[in-house]
C-alpha atoms as a PDB file:
ATOM      1  CA  UNK A   1      70.513  18.866 115.303  1.00  0.00           C
ATOM      2  CA  UNK A   2      71.393  22.316 114.061  1.00  0.00           C
ATOM      3  CA  UNK A   3      68.901  25.130 113.493  1.00  0.00           C
ATOM      4  CA  UNK A   4      69.929  28.440 111.934  1.00  0.00           C
ATOM      5  CA  UNK A   5      67.290  31.142 112.336  1.00  0.00           C
ATOM      6  CA  UNK A   6      66.991  34.717 111.100  1.00  0.00           C
ATOM      7  CA  UNK A   7      64.454  37.011 112.736  1.00  0.00           C
ATOM      8  CA  UNK A   8      64.020  40.330 110.938  1.00  0.00           C
ATOM      9  CA  UNK A   9      61.825  43.420 111.107  1.00  0.00           C
ATOM     10  CA  UNK A  10      61.782  46.960 112.461  1.00  0.00           C
ATOM     11  CA  UNK A  11      63.404  47.996 115.715  1.00  0.00           C
ATOM     12  CA  UNK A  12      60.797  48.036 118.456  1.00  0.00           C
ATOM     13  CA  UNK A  13      59.021  44.877 117.258  1.00  0.00           C
ATOM     14  CA  UNK A  14      60.940  42.661 119.658  1.00  0.00           C
ATOM     15  CA  UNK A  15      63.185  41.103 117.014  1.00  0.00           C
ATOM     16  CA  UNK A  16      66.314  41.061 119.175  1.00  0.00           C
ATOM     17  CA  UNK A  17      64.328  39.971 122.227  1.00  0.00           C
ATOM     18  CA  UNK A  18      62.889  36.989 120.354  1.00  0.00           C
ATOM     19  CA  UNK A  19      66.396  35.957 119.390  1.00  0.00           C
ATOM     20  CA  UNK A  20      67.617  36.393 122.947  1.00  0.00           C
ATOM     21  CA  UNK A  21      64.755  34.270 124.308  1.00  0.00           C
ATOM     22  CA  UNK A  22      65.593  31.507 121.813  1.00  0.00           C
ATOM     23  CA  UNK A  23      69.288  31.737 122.671  1.00  0.00           C
ATOM     24  CA  UNK A  24      68.689  31.528 126.431  1.00  0.00           C
ATOM     25  CA  UNK A  25      66.237  28.662 125.850  1.00  0.00           C
ATOM     26  CA  UNK A  26      68.894  26.786 123.908  1.00  0.00           C
ATOM     27  CA  UNK A  27      71.428  27.325 126.704  1.00  0.00           C
ATOM     28  CA  UNK A  28      68.888  25.946 129.212  1.00  0.00           C
ATOM     29  CA  UNK A  29      68.591  22.897 126.956  1.00  0.00           C
ATOM     30  CA  UNK A  30      72.390  22.408 126.884  1.00  0.00           C
ATOM     31  CA  UNK A  31      72.690  23.386 123.208  1.00  0.00           C
ATOM     32  CA  UNK A  32      75.604  25.245 121.734  1.00  0.00           C
ATOM     33  CA  UNK A  33      74.222  28.706 120.914  1.00  0.00           C
ATOM     34  CA  UNK A  34      75.135  31.858 119.026  1.00  0.00           C
ATOM     35  CA  UNK A  35      73.143  35.112 119.039  1.00  0.00           C
ATOM     36  CA  UNK A  36      74.237  37.762 116.588  1.00  0.00           C
ATOM     37  CA  UNK A  37      72.161  40.960 116.412  1.00  0.00           C
ATOM     38  CA  UNK A  38      72.313  43.530 113.627  1.00  0.00           C
ATOM     39  CA  UNK A  39      70.538  46.876 113.753  1.00  0.00           C
ATOM     40  CA  UNK A  40      70.783  50.419 112.505  1.00  0.00           C
ATOM     41  CA  UNK A  41      71.840  53.301 114.751  1.00  0.00           C
ATOM     42  CA  UNK A  42      68.255  54.506 115.089  1.00  0.00           C
ATOM     43  CA  UNK A  43      67.055  51.177 116.613  1.00  0.00           C
ATOM     44  CA  UNK A  44      63.304  51.784 117.132  1.00  0.00           C
ATOM     45  CA  UNK A  45      61.794  52.114 113.666  1.00  0.00           C
ATOM     46  CA  UNK A  46      65.017  51.188 111.847  1.00  0.00           C
ATOM     47  CA  UNK A  47      65.770  47.764 110.454  1.00  0.00           C
ATOM     48  CA  UNK A  48      66.845  45.054 112.846  1.00  0.00           C
ATOM     49  CA  UNK A  49      67.630  41.382 112.563  1.00  0.00           C
ATOM     50  CA  UNK A  50      69.215  38.676 114.635  1.00  0.00           C
ATOM     51  CA  UNK A  51      70.747  35.361 113.697  1.00  0.00           C
ATOM     52  CA  UNK A  52      70.427  32.554 116.215  1.00  0.00           C
ATOM     53  CA  UNK A  53      72.100  29.179 115.811  1.00  0.00           C
ATOM     54  CA  UNK A  54      71.098  26.297 118.086  1.00  0.00           C
ATOM     55  CA  UNK A  55      73.087  23.087 117.821  1.00  0.00           C
ATOM     56  CA  UNK A  56      73.816  19.917 119.748  1.00  0.00           C
ATOM     57  CA  UNK A  57      77.422  20.134 118.509  1.00  0.00           C
ATOM     58  CA  UNK A  58      79.997  22.925 118.218  1.00  0.00           C
ATOM     59  CA  UNK A  59      79.101  25.902 116.035  1.00  0.00           C
ATOM     60  CA  UNK A  60      81.902  26.958 113.725  1.00  0.00           C
ATOM     61  CA  UNK A  61      80.594  30.475 113.016  1.00  0.00           C
ATOM     62  CA  UNK A  62      77.649  32.678 114.000  1.00  0.00           C
ATOM     63  CA  UNK A  63      77.575  34.086 110.475  1.00  0.00           C
ATOM     64  CA  UNK A  64      75.154  32.388 108.096  1.00  0.00           C
ATOM     65  CA  UNK A  65      74.348  32.963 104.453  1.00  0.00           C
ATOM     66  CA  UNK A  66      71.432  30.484 104.443  1.00  0.00           C
ATOM     67  CA  UNK A  67      68.817  29.820 107.093  1.00  0.00           C
ATOM     68  CA  UNK A  68      66.707  26.849 108.118  1.00  0.00           C
ATOM     69  CA  UNK A  69      63.998  29.228 109.334  1.00  0.00           C
ATOM     70  CA  UNK A  70      63.151  32.892 108.793  1.00  0.00           C
ATOM     71  CA  UNK A  71      60.737  34.906 110.916  1.00  0.00           C
ATOM     72  CA  UNK A  72      59.872  38.033 108.953  1.00  0.00           C
ATOM     73  CA  UNK A  73      58.038  41.076 110.318  1.00  0.00           C
ATOM     74  CA  UNK A  74      58.203  43.635 107.486  1.00  0.00           C
ATOM     75  CA  UNK A  75      58.374  43.856 103.697  1.00  0.00           C
ATOM     76  CA  UNK A  76      62.010  45.027 103.548  1.00  0.00           C
ATOM     77  CA  UNK A  77      63.079  41.966 105.518  1.00  0.00           C
ATOM     78  CA  UNK A  78      60.998  39.652 103.334  1.00  0.00           C
ATOM     79  CA  UNK A  79      62.612  41.140 100.233  1.00  0.00           C
ATOM     80  CA  UNK A  80      66.078  40.655 101.734  1.00  0.00           C
ATOM     81  CA  UNK A  81      65.792  37.223 103.386  1.00  0.00           C
ATOM     82  CA  UNK A  82      63.259  35.149 101.411  1.00  0.00           C
ATOM     83  CA  UNK A  83      65.971  34.025  99.001  1.00  0.00           C
ATOM     84  CA  UNK A  84      68.252  33.012 101.887  1.00  0.00           C
ATOM     85  CA  UNK A  85      65.944  30.328 103.312  1.00  0.00           C
ATOM     86  CA  UNK A  86      67.268  26.868 102.483  1.00  0.00           C
ATOM     87  CA  UNK A  87      65.093  24.775 100.127  1.00  0.00           C
ATOM     88  CA  UNK A  88      62.688  22.846 102.347  1.00  0.00           C
ATOM     89  CA  UNK A  89      63.119  25.478 105.078  1.00  0.00           C
ATOM     90  CA  UNK A  90      60.493  27.547 106.849  1.00  0.00           C
ATOM     91  CA  UNK A  91      59.461  31.164 106.351  1.00  0.00           C
ATOM     92  CA  UNK A  92      56.991  32.655 108.835  1.00  0.00           C
ATOM     93  CA  UNK A  93      55.666  36.163 108.382  1.00  0.00           C
ATOM     94  CA  UNK A  94      53.260  38.479 110.133  1.00  0.00           C
ATOM     95  CA  UNK A  95      50.783  39.731 107.549  1.00  0.00           C
ATOM     96  CA  UNK A  96      50.793  43.304 108.899  1.00  0.00           C
ATOM     97  CA  UNK A  97      52.956  45.460 106.664  1.00  0.00           C
ATOM     98  CA  UNK A  98      53.612  42.779 104.036  1.00  0.00           C
ATOM     99  CA  UNK A  99      52.470  44.005 100.635  1.00  0.00           C
ATOM    100  CA  UNK A 100      53.969  41.224  98.489  1.00  0.00           C
ATOM    101  CA  UNK A 101      53.688  37.700  99.877  1.00  0.00           C
ATOM    102  CA  UNK A 102      56.585  35.239  99.482  1.00  0.00           C
ATOM    103  CA  UNK A 103      56.757  33.658  96.048  1.00  0.00           C
ATOM    104  CA  UNK A 104      59.057  30.679  96.563  1.00  0.00           C
ATOM    105  CA  UNK A 105      57.495  27.259  96.224  1.00  0.00           C
ATOM    106  CA  UNK A 106      60.452  25.223  97.521  1.00  0.00           C
ATOM    107  CA  UNK A 107      60.002  26.367 101.142  1.00  0.00           C
ATOM    108  CA  UNK A 108      57.236  25.984 103.732  1.00  0.00           C
ATOM    109  CA  UNK A 109      55.450  29.309 104.202  1.00  0.00           C
ATOM    110  CA  UNK A 110      53.342  30.221 107.241  1.00  0.00           C
ATOM    111  CA  UNK A 111      51.433  33.351 108.196  1.00  0.00           C
ATOM    112  CA  UNK A 112      50.648  34.577 111.659  1.00  0.00           C
ATOM    113  CA  UNK A 113      48.378  37.559 112.206  1.00  0.00           C
ATOM    114  CA  UNK A 114      50.009  38.489 115.510  1.00  0.00           C
ATOM    115  CA  UNK A 115      49.771  42.276 115.071  1.00  0.00           C
ATOM    116  CA  UNK A 116      46.043  42.067 114.353  1.00  0.00           C
ATOM    117  CA  UNK A 117      45.513  39.581 117.171  1.00  0.00           C
ATOM    118  CA  UNK A 118      47.420  41.744 119.664  1.00  0.00           C
ATOM    119  CA  UNK A 119      45.305  44.749 118.596  1.00  0.00           C
ATOM    120  CA  UNK A 120      42.138  42.682 119.041  1.00  0.00           C
ATOM    121  CA  UNK A 121      43.273  41.607 122.504  1.00  0.00           C
ATOM    122  CA  UNK A 122      44.474  45.118 123.377  1.00  0.00           C
ATOM    123  CA  UNK A 123      47.990  44.035 124.262  1.00  0.00           C
ATOM    124  CA  UNK A 124      50.664  45.028 121.739  1.00  0.00           C
ATOM    125  CA  UNK A 125      53.475  44.083 124.158  1.00  0.00           C
ATOM    126  CA  UNK A 126      52.817  40.390 123.524  1.00  0.00           C
ATOM    127  CA  UNK A 127      53.503  40.665 119.767  1.00  0.00           C
ATOM    128  CA  UNK A 128      56.962  39.111 119.767  1.00  0.00           C
ATOM    129  CA  UNK A 129      56.098  36.261 122.150  1.00  0.00           C
ATOM    130  CA  UNK A 130      53.024  35.462 120.049  1.00  0.00           C
ATOM    131  CA  UNK A 131      55.232  35.275 116.954  1.00  0.00           C
ATOM    132  CA  UNK A 132      57.711  33.117 118.871  1.00  0.00           C
ATOM    133  CA  UNK A 133      54.876  30.780 119.855  1.00  0.00           C
ATOM    134  CA  UNK A 134      53.923  30.357 116.216  1.00  0.00           C
ATOM    135  CA  UNK A 135      57.497  29.484 115.309  1.00  0.00           C
ATOM    136  CA  UNK A 136      57.793  26.984 118.174  1.00  0.00           C
ATOM    137  CA  UNK A 137      54.549  25.289 117.105  1.00  0.00           C
ATOM    138  CA  UNK A 138      56.000  24.742 113.627  1.00  0.00           C
ATOM    139  CA  UNK A 139      59.545  24.000 114.785  1.00  0.00           C
ATOM    140  CA  UNK A 140      59.672  22.895 118.447  1.00  0.00           C
ATOM    141  CA  UNK A 141      63.462  23.197 118.753  1.00  0.00           C
ATOM    142  CA  UNK A 142      63.310  24.039 122.471  1.00  0.00           C
ATOM    143  CA  UNK A 143      61.009  22.861 125.251  1.00  0.00           C
ATOM    144  CA  UNK A 144      58.375  25.204 126.665  1.00  0.00           C
ATOM    145  CA  UNK A 145      59.865  25.130 130.177  1.00  0.00           C
ATOM    146  CA  UNK A 146      63.182  26.274 128.709  1.00  0.00           C
ATOM    147  CA  UNK A 147      61.417  29.007 126.728  1.00  0.00           C
ATOM    148  CA  UNK A 148      59.871  30.300 129.947  1.00  0.00           C
ATOM    149  CA  UNK A 149      63.288  30.244 131.659  1.00  0.00           C
ATOM    150  CA  UNK A 150      64.801  32.016 128.653  1.00  0.00           C
ATOM    151  CA  UNK A 151      62.034  34.583 128.755  1.00  0.00           C
ATOM    152  CA  UNK A 152      62.586  35.195 132.463  1.00  0.00           C
ATOM    153  CA  UNK A 153      66.343  35.645 131.893  1.00  0.00           C
ATOM    154  CA  UNK A 154      65.757  38.105 129.057  1.00  0.00           C
ATOM    155  CA  UNK A 155      63.246  40.277 130.945  1.00  0.00           C
ATOM    156  CA  UNK A 156      64.191  42.730 133.675  1.00  0.00           C
ATOM    157  CA  UNK A 157      62.917  41.665 137.096  1.00  0.00           C
ATOM    158  CA  UNK A 158      60.305  44.447 137.103  1.00  0.00           C
ATOM    159  CA  UNK A 159      58.635  42.747 134.098  1.00  0.00           C
ATOM    160  CA  UNK A 160      58.420  39.254 135.621  1.00  0.00           C
ATOM    161  CA  UNK A 161      54.800  39.952 136.540  1.00  0.00           C
ATOM    162  CA  UNK A 162      54.101  39.696 132.788  1.00  0.00           C
ATOM    163  CA  UNK A 163      55.451  36.130 132.509  1.00  0.00           C
ATOM    164  CA  UNK A 164      51.984  34.498 132.688  1.00  0.00           C
ATOM    165  CA  UNK A 165      50.692  36.812 129.933  1.00  0.00           C
ATOM    166  CA  UNK A 166      53.751  36.038 127.805  1.00  0.00           C
ATOM    167  CA  UNK A 167      53.261  32.301 128.309  1.00  0.00           C
ATOM    168  CA  UNK A 168      49.647  32.644 127.182  1.00  0.00           C
ATOM    169  CA  UNK A 169      50.773  34.699 124.155  1.00  0.00           C
ATOM    170  CA  UNK A 170      53.267  31.966 123.214  1.00  0.00           C
ATOM    171  CA  UNK A 171      50.545  29.325 123.428  1.00  0.00           C
ATOM    172  CA  UNK A 172      48.099  31.515 121.486  1.00  0.00           C
ATOM    173  CA  UNK A 173      50.675  32.124 118.746  1.00  0.00           C
ATOM    174  CA  UNK A 174      50.847  28.357 118.293  1.00  0.00           C
ATOM    175  CA  UNK A 175      47.087  28.317 117.791  1.00  0.00           C
ATOM    176  CA  UNK A 176      46.869  31.092 115.185  1.00  0.00           C
ATOM    177  CA  UNK A 177      49.761  30.250 112.855  1.00  0.00           C
ATOM    178  CA  UNK A 178      48.629  28.965 109.436  1.00  0.00           C
ATOM    179  CA  UNK A 179      50.483  27.101 106.721  1.00  0.00           C
ATOM    180  CA  UNK A 180      49.855  28.576 103.290  1.00  0.00           C
ATOM    181  CA  UNK A 181      52.204  26.240 101.388  1.00  0.00           C
END
């Protein structure tokens, strides 16, 4: 098994955190893991993406030109990474801020209205874990108990009180993701 994932959006959306949670989860599951962030100097509000590779064998390079899965959180990232999803791969996008939906027909495309759902629930801090839950519903590459351990490792101790809310957001993300093709 080898899964190459790109997560891309604006700084402040939890892009790097999502990647870190996946990476820690993979480590907990005894996978070989790489986590390679990329962001502009302005961070919050600037573009950000992270490549995560999870594998049950050695990983030759953290650099990828094609991805098994793409999690996209803004139009600029969709424009940049849609073409880099492998045929038969998965593209998941949050509908907030996307003005032109993906056009490829050789990939599986899913939407998740996590921004709208977080606004409805009054808890914007759960956005990235809700998105992560949608991805894990579609592609359960790591077990939930490892995701929770990865989440705990990636959060500062002062935020551990939010672990139950994050777990619920992950589960809820799995409920609201929709396949469009």
